[in-house]
Full PDB file with SEQRES, HELIX, SHEET, SSBOND, CRYST1, ORIGX, SCALE, CONECT and MASTER records, all heavy atoms in Angstrom:
SEQRES   1 A   39  ARG GLY ALA GLU TYR GLN ILE ASP PHE ILE PRO LYS VAL          
SEQRES   2 A   39  LYS ILE GLU LEU VAL ILE PRO VAL GLU MET VAL ASP GLU          
SEQRES   3 A   39  VAL VAL ALA ALA VAL GLN LYS GLU ALA CYS THR GLY ARG          
HELIX    1 AA1 VAL A   21  MET A   23  5                                   3    
HELIX    2 AA2 VAL A   24  ALA A   35  1                                  12    
CRYST1    1.000    1.000    1.000  90.00  90.00  90.00 P 1           1          
ORIGX1      1.000000  0.000000  0.000000        0.00000                         
ORIGX2      0.000000  1.000000  0.000000        0.00000                         
ORIGX3      0.000000  0.000000  1.000000        0.00000                         
SCALE1      1.000000  0.000000  0.000000        0.00000                         
SCALE2      0.000000  1.000000  0.000000        0.00000                         
SCALE3      0.000000  0.000000  1.000000        0.00000                         
ATOM      1  N   ARG A   1     -10.514  23.932  22.165  1.00  0.00           N  
ATOM      2  CA  ARG A   1      -9.531  24.096  23.250  1.00  0.00           C  
ATOM      3  C   ARG A   1      -8.142  23.577  22.877  1.00  0.00           C  
ATOM      4  O   ARG A   1      -7.521  22.846  23.641  1.00  0.00           O  
ATOM      5  CB  ARG A   1      -9.977  23.471  24.566  1.00  0.00           C  
ATOM      6  CG  ARG A   1     -11.175  24.257  25.178  1.00  0.00           C  
ATOM      7  CD  ARG A   1     -11.500  23.702  26.511  1.00  0.00           C  
ATOM      8  NE  ARG A   1     -12.628  24.448  27.064  1.00  0.00           N  
ATOM      9  CZ  ARG A   1     -13.098  24.297  28.275  1.00  0.00           C  
ATOM     10  NH1 ARG A   1     -12.547  23.389  29.048  1.00  0.00           N  
ATOM     11  NH2 ARG A   1     -14.109  24.976  28.667  1.00  0.00           N  
ATOM     12  N   GLY A   2      -7.793  23.799  21.634  1.00  0.00           N  
ATOM     13  CA  GLY A   2      -6.465  23.404  21.159  1.00  0.00           C  
ATOM     14  C   GLY A   2      -6.397  21.973  20.666  1.00  0.00           C  
ATOM     15  O   GLY A   2      -5.402  21.549  20.119  1.00  0.00           O  
ATOM     16  N   ALA A   3      -7.437  21.199  20.832  1.00  0.00           N  
ATOM     17  CA  ALA A   3      -7.452  19.792  20.446  1.00  0.00           C  
ATOM     18  C   ALA A   3      -8.255  19.707  19.159  1.00  0.00           C  
ATOM     19  O   ALA A   3      -9.328  20.235  19.036  1.00  0.00           O  
ATOM     20  CB  ALA A   3      -7.977  18.890  21.498  1.00  0.00           C  
ATOM     21  N   GLU A   4      -7.704  19.002  18.157  1.00  0.00           N  
ATOM     22  CA  GLU A   4      -8.399  18.764  16.930  1.00  0.00           C  
ATOM     23  C   GLU A   4      -9.201  17.457  17.007  1.00  0.00           C  
ATOM     24  O   GLU A   4      -8.659  16.437  17.501  1.00  0.00           O  
ATOM     25  CB  GLU A   4      -7.375  18.667  15.810  1.00  0.00           C  
ATOM     26  CG  GLU A   4      -7.958  18.796  14.425  1.00  0.00           C  
ATOM     27  CD  GLU A   4      -6.868  18.943  13.359  1.00  0.00           C  
ATOM     28  OE1 GLU A   4      -6.306  20.019  13.132  1.00  0.00           O  
ATOM     29  OE2 GLU A   4      -6.597  17.849  12.789  1.00  0.00           O  
ATOM     30  N   TYR A   5     -10.439  17.469  16.551  1.00  0.00           N  
ATOM     31  CA  TYR A   5     -11.219  16.268  16.540  1.00  0.00           C  
ATOM     32  C   TYR A   5     -12.095  16.185  15.294  1.00  0.00           C  
ATOM     33  O   TYR A   5     -12.394  17.148  14.691  1.00  0.00           O  
ATOM     34  CB  TYR A   5     -12.022  16.062  17.839  1.00  0.00           C  
ATOM     35  CG  TYR A   5     -13.089  17.137  18.071  1.00  0.00           C  
ATOM     36  CD1 TYR A   5     -14.396  16.905  17.734  1.00  0.00           C  
ATOM     37  CD2 TYR A   5     -12.728  18.405  18.595  1.00  0.00           C  
ATOM     38  CE1 TYR A   5     -15.363  17.914  17.923  1.00  0.00           C  
ATOM     39  CE2 TYR A   5     -13.681  19.355  18.779  1.00  0.00           C  
ATOM     40  CZ  TYR A   5     -14.984  19.136  18.500  1.00  0.00           C  
ATOM     41  OH  TYR A   5     -15.952  20.089  18.682  1.00  0.00           O  
ATOM     42  N   GLN A   6     -12.460  14.958  14.938  1.00  0.00           N  
ATOM     43  CA  GLN A   6     -13.235  14.684  13.727  1.00  0.00           C  
ATOM     44  C   GLN A   6     -14.742  14.683  13.993  1.00  0.00           C  
ATOM     45  O   GLN A   6     -15.151  13.997  14.934  1.00  0.00           O  
ATOM     46  CB  GLN A   6     -12.788  13.308  13.141  1.00  0.00           C  
ATOM     47  CG  GLN A   6     -13.489  12.939  11.854  1.00  0.00           C  
ATOM     48  CD  GLN A   6     -13.059  13.786  10.679  1.00  0.00           C  
ATOM     49  OE1 GLN A   6     -11.967  14.382  10.687  1.00  0.00           O  
ATOM     50  NE2 GLN A   6     -13.898  13.823   9.672  1.00  0.00           N  
ATOM     51  N   ILE A   7     -15.457  15.435  13.231  1.00  0.00           N  
ATOM     52  CA  ILE A   7     -16.959  15.387  13.284  1.00  0.00           C  
ATOM     53  C   ILE A   7     -17.388  14.537  12.092  1.00  0.00           C  
ATOM     54  O   ILE A   7     -17.272  14.917  10.953  1.00  0.00           O  
ATOM     55  CB  ILE A   7     -17.535  16.792  13.095  1.00  0.00           C  
ATOM     56  CG1 ILE A   7     -17.030  17.735  14.210  1.00  0.00           C  
ATOM     57  CG2 ILE A   7     -19.057  16.776  13.112  1.00  0.00           C  
ATOM     58  CD1 ILE A   7     -17.533  17.450  15.566  1.00  0.00           C  
ATOM     59  N   ASP A   8     -17.918  13.326  12.406  1.00  0.00           N  
ATOM     60  CA  ASP A   8     -18.303  12.412  11.354  1.00  0.00           C  
ATOM     61  C   ASP A   8     -19.735  12.684  10.869  1.00  0.00           C  
ATOM     62  O   ASP A   8     -20.014  12.570   9.662  1.00  0.00           O  
ATOM     63  CB  ASP A   8     -18.254  10.932  11.859  1.00  0.00           C  
ATOM     64  CG  ASP A   8     -16.806  10.510  12.090  1.00  0.00           C  
ATOM     65  OD1 ASP A   8     -15.951  10.936  11.392  1.00  0.00           O  
ATOM     66  OD2 ASP A   8     -16.597   9.635  12.994  1.00  0.00           O  
ATOM     67  N   PHE A   9     -20.618  12.984  11.758  1.00  0.00           N  
ATOM     68  CA  PHE A   9     -22.012  13.245  11.378  1.00  0.00           C  
ATOM     69  C   PHE A   9     -22.348  14.739  11.422  1.00  0.00           C  
ATOM     70  O   PHE A   9     -22.292  15.311  12.518  1.00  0.00           O  
ATOM     71  CB  PHE A   9     -22.974  12.404  12.297  1.00  0.00           C  
ATOM     72  CG  PHE A   9     -22.806  10.930  12.072  1.00  0.00           C  
ATOM     73  CD1 PHE A   9     -22.059  10.231  13.001  1.00  0.00           C  
ATOM     74  CD2 PHE A   9     -23.409  10.288  11.012  1.00  0.00           C  
ATOM     75  CE1 PHE A   9     -21.892   8.859  12.839  1.00  0.00           C  
ATOM     76  CE2 PHE A   9     -23.231   8.975  10.845  1.00  0.00           C  
ATOM     77  CZ  PHE A   9     -22.504   8.238  11.754  1.00  0.00           C  
ATOM     78  N   ILE A  10     -22.721  15.301  10.325  1.00  0.00           N  
ATOM     79  CA  ILE A  10     -22.956  16.735  10.201  1.00  0.00           C  
ATOM     80  C   ILE A  10     -24.458  16.955  10.398  1.00  0.00           C  
ATOM     81  O   ILE A  10     -25.272  16.266   9.854  1.00  0.00           O  
ATOM     82  CB  ILE A  10     -22.470  17.201   8.851  1.00  0.00           C  
ATOM     83  CG1 ILE A  10     -20.988  16.970   8.753  1.00  0.00           C  
ATOM     84  CG2 ILE A  10     -22.818  18.677   8.616  1.00  0.00           C  
ATOM     85  CD1 ILE A  10     -20.388  17.213   7.395  1.00  0.00           C  
ATOM     86  N   PRO A  11     -24.856  17.999  11.202  1.00  0.00           N  
ATOM     87  CA  PRO A  11     -26.248  18.343  11.419  1.00  0.00           C  
ATOM     88  C   PRO A  11     -26.907  18.734  10.079  1.00  0.00           C  
ATOM     89  O   PRO A  11     -26.376  19.526   9.326  1.00  0.00           O  
ATOM     90  CB  PRO A  11     -26.231  19.460  12.368  1.00  0.00           C  
ATOM     91  CG  PRO A  11     -24.867  19.488  12.985  1.00  0.00           C  
ATOM     92  CD  PRO A  11     -23.952  18.857  11.948  1.00  0.00           C  
ATOM     93  N   LYS A  12     -28.065  18.177   9.816  1.00  0.00           N  
ATOM     94  CA  LYS A  12     -28.870  18.492   8.648  1.00  0.00           C  
ATOM     95  C   LYS A  12     -30.319  18.611   9.063  1.00  0.00           C  
ATOM     96  O   LYS A  12     -30.672  18.242  10.174  1.00  0.00           O  
ATOM     97  CB  LYS A  12     -28.744  17.409   7.551  1.00  0.00           C  
ATOM     98  CG  LYS A  12     -27.350  17.130   7.062  1.00  0.00           C  
ATOM     99  CD  LYS A  12     -26.887  18.281   6.129  1.00  0.00           C  
ATOM    100  CE  LYS A  12     -25.520  17.864   5.573  1.00  0.00           C  
ATOM    101  NZ  LYS A  12     -25.023  18.834   4.640  1.00  0.00           N  
ATOM    102  N   VAL A  13     -31.181  18.986   8.150  1.00  0.00           N  
ATOM    103  CA  VAL A  13     -32.638  19.026   8.323  1.00  0.00           C  
ATOM    104  C   VAL A  13     -33.268  18.188   7.253  1.00  0.00           C  
ATOM    105  O   VAL A  13     -32.880  18.286   6.108  1.00  0.00           O  
ATOM    106  CB  VAL A  13     -33.149  20.516   8.336  1.00  0.00           C  
ATOM    107  CG1 VAL A  13     -34.669  20.493   8.314  1.00  0.00           C  
ATOM    108  CG2 VAL A  13     -32.599  21.283   9.486  1.00  0.00           C  
ATOM    109  N   LYS A  14     -34.239  17.364   7.677  1.00  0.00           N  
ATOM    110  CA  LYS A  14     -34.962  16.562   6.686  1.00  0.00           C  
ATOM    111  C   LYS A  14     -36.429  17.082   6.603  1.00  0.00           C  
ATOM    112  O   LYS A  14     -37.095  17.147   7.613  1.00  0.00           O  
ATOM    113  CB  LYS A  14     -34.958  15.061   7.057  1.00  0.00           C  
ATOM    114  CG  LYS A  14     -35.749  14.254   6.074  1.00  0.00           C  
ATOM    115  CD  LYS A  14     -35.474  12.772   6.156  1.00  0.00           C  
ATOM    116  CE  LYS A  14     -36.119  12.136   7.323  1.00  0.00           C  
ATOM    117  NZ  LYS A  14     -36.085  10.636   7.258  1.00  0.00           N  
ATOM    118  N   ILE A  15     -36.829  17.423   5.422  1.00  0.00           N  
ATOM    119  CA  ILE A  15     -38.185  17.885   5.162  1.00  0.00           C  
ATOM    120  C   ILE A  15     -38.932  16.755   4.422  1.00  0.00           C  
ATOM    121  O   ILE A  15     -38.369  16.277   3.380  1.00  0.00           O  
ATOM    122  CB  ILE A  15     -38.224  19.187   4.347  1.00  0.00           C  
ATOM    123  CG1 ILE A  15     -37.423  20.270   5.012  1.00  0.00           C  
ATOM    124  CG2 ILE A  15     -39.668  19.623   4.064  1.00  0.00           C  
ATOM    125  CD1 ILE A  15     -37.217  21.499   4.160  1.00  0.00           C  
ATOM    126  N   GLU A  16     -40.077  16.331   4.902  1.00  0.00           N  
ATOM    127  CA  GLU A  16     -40.837  15.305   4.239  1.00  0.00           C  
ATOM    128  C   GLU A  16     -42.213  15.909   3.790  1.00  0.00           C  
ATOM    129  O   GLU A  16     -42.868  16.529   4.574  1.00  0.00           O  
ATOM    130  CB  GLU A  16     -41.081  14.141   5.180  1.00  0.00           C  
ATOM    131  CG  GLU A  16     -39.775  13.437   5.591  1.00  0.00           C  
ATOM    132  CD  GLU A  16     -39.992  12.407   6.633  1.00  0.00           C  
ATOM    133  OE1 GLU A  16     -40.225  11.205   6.219  1.00  0.00           O  
ATOM    134  OE2 GLU A  16     -39.976  12.745   7.824  1.00  0.00           O  
ATOM    135  N   LEU A  17     -42.565  15.639   2.543  1.00  0.00           N  
ATOM    136  CA  LEU A  17     -43.829  16.124   1.965  1.00  0.00           C  
ATOM    137  C   LEU A  17     -44.464  14.996   1.212  1.00  0.00           C  
ATOM    138  O   LEU A  17     -43.805  14.192   0.550  1.00  0.00           O  
ATOM    139  CB  LEU A  17     -43.558  17.241   0.966  1.00  0.00           C  
ATOM    140  CG  LEU A  17     -42.585  18.292   1.244  1.00  0.00           C  
ATOM    141  CD1 LEU A  17     -42.152  19.041  -0.082  1.00  0.00           C  
ATOM    142  CD2 LEU A  17     -43.202  19.335   2.121  1.00  0.00           C  
ATOM    143  N   VAL A  18     -45.784  14.950   1.226  1.00  0.00           N  
ATOM    144  CA  VAL A  18     -46.546  14.083   0.338  1.00  0.00           C  
ATOM    145  C   VAL A  18     -47.390  14.986  -0.522  1.00  0.00           C  
ATOM    146  O   VAL A  18     -48.188  15.781   0.025  1.00  0.00           O  
ATOM    147  CB  VAL A  18     -47.392  13.059   1.128  1.00  0.00           C  
ATOM    148  CG1 VAL A  18     -48.218  12.183   0.142  1.00  0.00           C  
ATOM    149  CG2 VAL A  18     -46.510  12.145   1.987  1.00  0.00           C  
ATOM    150  N   ILE A  19     -47.171  14.932  -1.829  1.00  0.00           N  
ATOM    151  CA  ILE A  19     -47.820  15.893  -2.745  1.00  0.00           C  
ATOM    152  C   ILE A  19     -48.397  15.156  -3.959  1.00  0.00           C  
ATOM    153  O   ILE A  19     -47.989  14.020  -4.236  1.00  0.00           O  
ATOM    154  CB  ILE A  19     -46.775  16.923  -3.199  1.00  0.00           C  
ATOM    155  CG1 ILE A  19     -45.560  16.274  -3.938  1.00  0.00           C  
ATOM    156  CG2 ILE A  19     -46.355  17.807  -2.052  1.00  0.00           C  
ATOM    157  CD1 ILE A  19     -44.584  17.244  -4.500  1.00  0.00           C  
ATOM    158  N   PRO A  20     -49.323  15.822  -4.679  1.00  0.00           N  
ATOM    159  CA  PRO A  20     -49.806  15.233  -5.917  1.00  0.00           C  
ATOM    160  C   PRO A  20     -48.665  15.089  -6.975  1.00  0.00           C  
ATOM    161  O   PRO A  20     -47.769  15.928  -6.961  1.00  0.00           O  
ATOM    162  CB  PRO A  20     -50.852  16.213  -6.369  1.00  0.00           C  
ATOM    163  CG  PRO A  20     -51.218  17.003  -5.166  1.00  0.00           C  
ATOM    164  CD  PRO A  20     -50.003  17.072  -4.361  1.00  0.00           C  
ATOM    165  N   VAL A  21     -48.824  14.097  -7.800  1.00  0.00           N  
ATOM    166  CA  VAL A  21     -47.762  13.857  -8.834  1.00  0.00           C  
ATOM    167  C   VAL A  21     -47.481  15.093  -9.652  1.00  0.00           C  
ATOM    168  O   VAL A  21     -46.367  15.384 -10.036  1.00  0.00           O  
ATOM    169  CB  VAL A  21     -48.181  12.625  -9.703  1.00  0.00           C  
ATOM    170  CG1 VAL A  21     -47.242  12.463 -10.896  1.00  0.00           C  
ATOM    171  CG2 VAL A  21     -48.309  11.387  -8.904  1.00  0.00           C  
ATOM    172  N   GLU A  22     -48.560  15.841 -10.001  1.00  0.00           N  
ATOM    173  CA  GLU A  22     -48.418  16.998 -10.869  1.00  0.00           C  
ATOM    174  C   GLU A  22     -47.486  18.072 -10.301  1.00  0.00           C  
ATOM    175  O   GLU A  22     -46.970  18.915 -11.030  1.00  0.00           O  
ATOM    176  CB  GLU A  22     -49.802  17.650 -11.127  1.00  0.00           C  
ATOM    177  CG  GLU A  22     -50.840  16.734 -11.679  1.00  0.00           C  
ATOM    178  CD  GLU A  22     -51.541  15.911 -10.555  1.00  0.00           C  
ATOM    179  OE1 GLU A  22     -51.944  16.456  -9.522  1.00  0.00           O  
ATOM    180  OE2 GLU A  22     -51.704  14.717 -10.756  1.00  0.00           O  
ATOM    181  N   MET A  23     -47.326  18.115  -8.995  1.00  0.00           N  
ATOM    182  CA  MET A  23     -46.489  19.141  -8.338  1.00  0.00           C  
ATOM    183  C   MET A  23     -45.044  18.767  -8.165  1.00  0.00           C  
ATOM    184  O   MET A  23     -44.242  19.617  -7.781  1.00  0.00           O  
ATOM    185  CB  MET A  23     -47.083  19.518  -7.005  1.00  0.00           C  
ATOM    186  CG  MET A  23     -48.454  20.171  -7.050  1.00  0.00           C  
ATOM    187  SD  MET A  23     -48.992  20.676  -5.413  1.00  0.00           S  
ATOM    188  CE  MET A  23     -47.938  22.081  -5.129  1.00  0.00           C  
ATOM    189  N   VAL A  24     -44.693  17.531  -8.455  1.00  0.00           N  
ATOM    190  CA  VAL A  24     -43.356  17.057  -8.123  1.00  0.00           C  
ATOM    191  C   VAL A  24     -42.236  17.848  -8.774  1.00  0.00           C  
ATOM    192  O   VAL A  24     -41.311  18.333  -8.081  1.00  0.00           O  
ATOM    193  CB  VAL A  24     -43.187  15.548  -8.449  1.00  0.00           C  
ATOM    194  CG1 VAL A  24     -41.789  15.107  -8.319  1.00  0.00           C  
ATOM    195  CG2 VAL A  24     -44.067  14.708  -7.527  1.00  0.00           C  
ATOM    196  N   ASP A  25     -42.305  18.069 -10.089  1.00  0.00           N  
ATOM    197  CA  ASP A  25     -41.263  18.767 -10.761  1.00  0.00           C  
ATOM    198  C   ASP A  25     -41.079  20.186 -10.254  1.00  0.00           C  
ATOM    199  O   ASP A  25     -39.963  20.709 -10.063  1.00  0.00           O  
ATOM    200  CB  ASP A  25     -41.497  18.786 -12.301  1.00  0.00           C  
ATOM    201  CG  ASP A  25     -41.369  17.418 -12.899  1.00  0.00           C  
ATOM    202  OD1 ASP A  25     -40.686  16.562 -12.264  1.00  0.00           O  
ATOM    203  OD2 ASP A  25     -41.934  17.192 -13.996  1.00  0.00           O  
ATOM    204  N   GLU A  26     -42.188  20.882 -10.021  1.00  0.00           N  
ATOM    205  CA  GLU A  26     -42.194  22.254  -9.528  1.00  0.00           C  
ATOM    206  C   GLU A  26     -41.613  22.338  -8.090  1.00  0.00           C  
ATOM    207  O   GLU A  26     -40.780  23.212  -7.833  1.00  0.00           O  
ATOM    208  CB  GLU A  26     -43.597  22.789  -9.534  1.00  0.00           C  
ATOM    209  CG  GLU A  26     -43.737  24.279  -9.212  1.00  0.00           C  
ATOM    210  CD  GLU A  26     -45.167  24.754  -9.315  1.00  0.00           C  
ATOM    211  OE1 GLU A  26     -46.124  23.899  -9.244  1.00  0.00           O  
ATOM    212  OE2 GLU A  26     -45.369  25.956  -9.356  1.00  0.00           O  
ATOM    213  N   VAL A  27     -41.979  21.430  -7.291  1.00  0.00           N  
ATOM    214  CA  VAL A  27     -41.472  21.399  -5.871  1.00  0.00           C  
ATOM    215  C   VAL A  27     -40.009  21.081  -5.835  1.00  0.00           C  
ATOM    216  O   VAL A  27     -39.209  21.738  -5.145  1.00  0.00           O  
ATOM    217  CB  VAL A  27     -42.299  20.374  -5.016  1.00  0.00           C  
ATOM    218  CG1 VAL A  27     -41.604  20.096  -3.700  1.00  0.00           C  
ATOM    219  CG2 VAL A  27     -43.709  20.912  -4.763  1.00  0.00           C  
ATOM    220  N   VAL A  28     -39.614  20.067  -6.617  1.00  0.00           N  
ATOM    221  CA  VAL A  28     -38.172  19.658  -6.622  1.00  0.00           C  
ATOM    222  C   VAL A  28     -37.322  20.809  -7.118  1.00  0.00           C  
ATOM    223  O   VAL A  28     -36.260  21.141  -6.538  1.00  0.00           O  
ATOM    224  CB  VAL A  28     -37.973  18.362  -7.437  1.00  0.00           C  
ATOM    225  CG1 VAL A  28     -36.476  18.110  -7.736  1.00  0.00           C  
ATOM    226  CG2 VAL A  28     -38.565  17.171  -6.726  1.00  0.00           C  
ATOM    227  N   ALA A  29     -37.729  21.499  -8.202  1.00  0.00           N  
ATOM    228  CA  ALA A  29     -36.998  22.613  -8.741  1.00  0.00           C  
ATOM    229  C   ALA A  29     -36.883  23.779  -7.729  1.00  0.00           C  
ATOM    230  O   ALA A  29     -35.810  24.350  -7.587  1.00  0.00           O  
ATOM    231  CB  ALA A  29     -37.619  23.092 -10.048  1.00  0.00           C  
ATOM    232  N   ALA A  30     -37.955  24.029  -7.034  1.00  0.00           N  
ATOM    233  CA  ALA A  30     -37.956  25.099  -6.089  1.00  0.00           C  
ATOM    234  C   ALA A  30     -37.042  24.797  -4.852  1.00  0.00           C  
ATOM    235  O   ALA A  30     -36.266  25.650  -4.425  1.00  0.00           O  
ATOM    236  CB  ALA A  30     -39.386  25.393  -5.587  1.00  0.00           C  
ATOM    237  N   VAL A  31     -37.145  23.586  -4.349  1.00  0.00           N  
ATOM    238  CA  VAL A  31     -36.263  23.209  -3.233  1.00  0.00           C  
ATOM    239  C   VAL A  31     -34.777  23.238  -3.674  1.00  0.00           C  
ATOM    240  O   VAL A  31     -33.929  23.737  -2.957  1.00  0.00           O  
ATOM    241  CB  VAL A  31     -36.602  21.846  -2.687  1.00  0.00           C  
ATOM    242  CG1 VAL A  31     -35.614  21.313  -1.698  1.00  0.00           C  
ATOM    243  CG2 VAL A  31     -37.999  21.827  -2.049  1.00  0.00           C  
ATOM    244  N   GLN A  32     -34.501  22.688  -4.854  1.00  0.00           N  
ATOM    245  CA  GLN A  32     -33.133  22.673  -5.303  1.00  0.00           C  
ATOM    246  C   GLN A  32     -32.575  24.109  -5.425  1.00  0.00           C  
ATOM    247  O   GLN A  32     -31.475  24.404  -5.001  1.00  0.00           O  
ATOM    248  CB  GLN A  32     -33.032  21.958  -6.670  1.00  0.00           C  
ATOM    249  CG  GLN A  32     -31.596  21.789  -7.118  1.00  0.00           C  
ATOM    250  CD  GLN A  32     -31.527  20.962  -8.389  1.00  0.00           C  
ATOM    251  OE1 GLN A  32     -32.550  20.589  -9.006  1.00  0.00           O  
ATOM    252  NE2 GLN A  32     -30.309  20.648  -8.825  1.00  0.00           N  
ATOM    253  N   LYS A  33     -33.392  25.016  -5.975  1.00  0.00           N  
ATOM    254  CA  LYS A  33     -32.927  26.404  -6.138  1.00  0.00           C  
ATOM    255  C   LYS A  33     -32.689  27.103  -4.815  1.00  0.00           C  
ATOM    256  O   LYS A  33     -31.669  27.747  -4.565  1.00  0.00           O  
ATOM    257  CB  LYS A  33     -33.975  27.154  -6.923  1.00  0.00           C  
ATOM    258  CG  LYS A  33     -33.595  28.630  -7.196  1.00  0.00           C  
ATOM    259  CD  LYS A  33     -34.641  29.300  -8.014  1.00  0.00           C  
ATOM    260  CE  LYS A  33     -34.208  30.736  -8.348  1.00  0.00           C  
ATOM    261  NZ  LYS A  33     -35.074  31.760  -7.846  1.00  0.00           N  
ATOM    262  N   GLU A  34     -33.580  26.878  -3.866  1.00  0.00           N  
ATOM    263  CA  GLU A  34     -33.494  27.596  -2.577  1.00  0.00           C  
ATOM    264  C   GLU A  34     -32.446  26.997  -1.636  1.00  0.00           C  
ATOM    265  O   GLU A  34     -31.834  27.710  -0.844  1.00  0.00           O  
ATOM    266  CB  GLU A  34     -34.833  27.574  -1.782  1.00  0.00           C  
ATOM    267  CG  GLU A  34     -35.847  28.528  -2.405  1.00  0.00           C  
ATOM    268  CD  GLU A  34     -35.412  29.933  -2.421  1.00  0.00           C  
ATOM    269  OE1 GLU A  34     -34.863  30.450  -1.435  1.00  0.00           O  
ATOM    270  OE2 GLU A  34     -35.611  30.631  -3.467  1.00  0.00           O  
ATOM    271  N   ALA A  35     -32.244  25.658  -1.713  1.00  0.00           N  
ATOM    272  CA  ALA A  35     -31.311  24.992  -0.797  1.00  0.00           C  
ATOM    273  C   ALA A  35     -29.874  25.070  -1.296  1.00  0.00           C  
ATOM    274  O   ALA A  35     -28.968  24.785  -0.504  1.00  0.00           O  
ATOM    275  CB  ALA A  35     -31.740  23.576  -0.548  1.00  0.00           C  
ATOM    276  N   CYS A  36     -29.660  25.426  -2.510  1.00  0.00           N  
ATOM    277  CA  CYS A  36     -28.319  25.359  -3.091  1.00  0.00           C  
ATOM    278  C   CYS A  36     -27.470  26.535  -2.642  1.00  0.00           C  
ATOM    279  O   CYS A  36     -27.856  27.722  -2.682  1.00  0.00           O  
ATOM    280  CB  CYS A  36     -28.416  25.430  -4.629  1.00  0.00           C  
ATOM    281  SG  CYS A  36     -26.806  25.327  -5.457  1.00  0.00           S  
ATOM    282  N   THR A  37     -26.236  26.184  -2.130  1.00  0.00           N  
ATOM    283  CA  THR A  37     -25.236  27.229  -1.775  1.00  0.00           C  
ATOM    284  C   THR A  37     -24.077  27.125  -2.741  1.00  0.00           C  
ATOM    285  O   THR A  37     -23.189  27.981  -2.735  1.00  0.00           O  
ATOM    286  CB  THR A  37     -24.763  27.044  -0.342  1.00  0.00           C  
ATOM    287  OG1 THR A  37     -24.034  25.784  -0.257  1.00  0.00           O  
ATOM    288  CG2 THR A  37     -25.882  27.087   0.659  1.00  0.00           C  
ATOM    289  N   GLY A  38     -24.010  26.005  -3.466  1.00  0.00           N  
ATOM    290  CA  GLY A  38     -22.883  25.811  -4.343  1.00  0.00           C  
ATOM    291  C   GLY A  38     -21.675  25.122  -3.708  1.00  0.00           C  
ATOM    292  O   GLY A  38     -20.654  24.938  -4.332  1.00  0.00           O  
ATOM    293  N   ARG A  39     -21.840  24.788  -2.444  1.00  0.00           N  
ATOM    294  CA  ARG A  39     -20.742  24.166  -1.737  1.00  0.00           C  
ATOM    295  C   ARG A  39     -21.139  22.709  -1.400  1.00  0.00           C  
ATOM    296  O   ARG A  39     -22.254  22.309  -1.419  1.00  0.00           O  
ATOM    297  CB  ARG A  39     -20.460  24.918  -0.423  1.00  0.00           C  
ATOM    298  CG  ARG A  39     -19.976  26.350  -0.696  1.00  0.00           C  
ATOM    299  CD  ARG A  39     -19.580  27.006   0.605  1.00  0.00           C  
ATOM    300  NE  ARG A  39     -20.607  26.887   1.612  1.00  0.00           N  
ATOM    301  CZ  ARG A  39     -21.156  27.902   2.213  1.00  0.00           C  
ATOM    302  NH1 ARG A  39     -20.757  29.179   1.944  1.00  0.00           N  
ATOM    303  NH2 ARG A  39     -22.122  27.747   3.107  1.00  0.00           N  
TER     304      ARG A  39                                                      
MASTER        0    0    0    2    0    0    0    6  303    1    0    3          
END                                                                             
């Protein structure tokens, strides 16, 4: 409404997983690829 204001806290989503050690690299790479927008 014509007034400028500062948004300090930006909405995000937190995903929590507990996985076997063997899957960590694969899961991290997949999340990084899918969540990346480059911005």
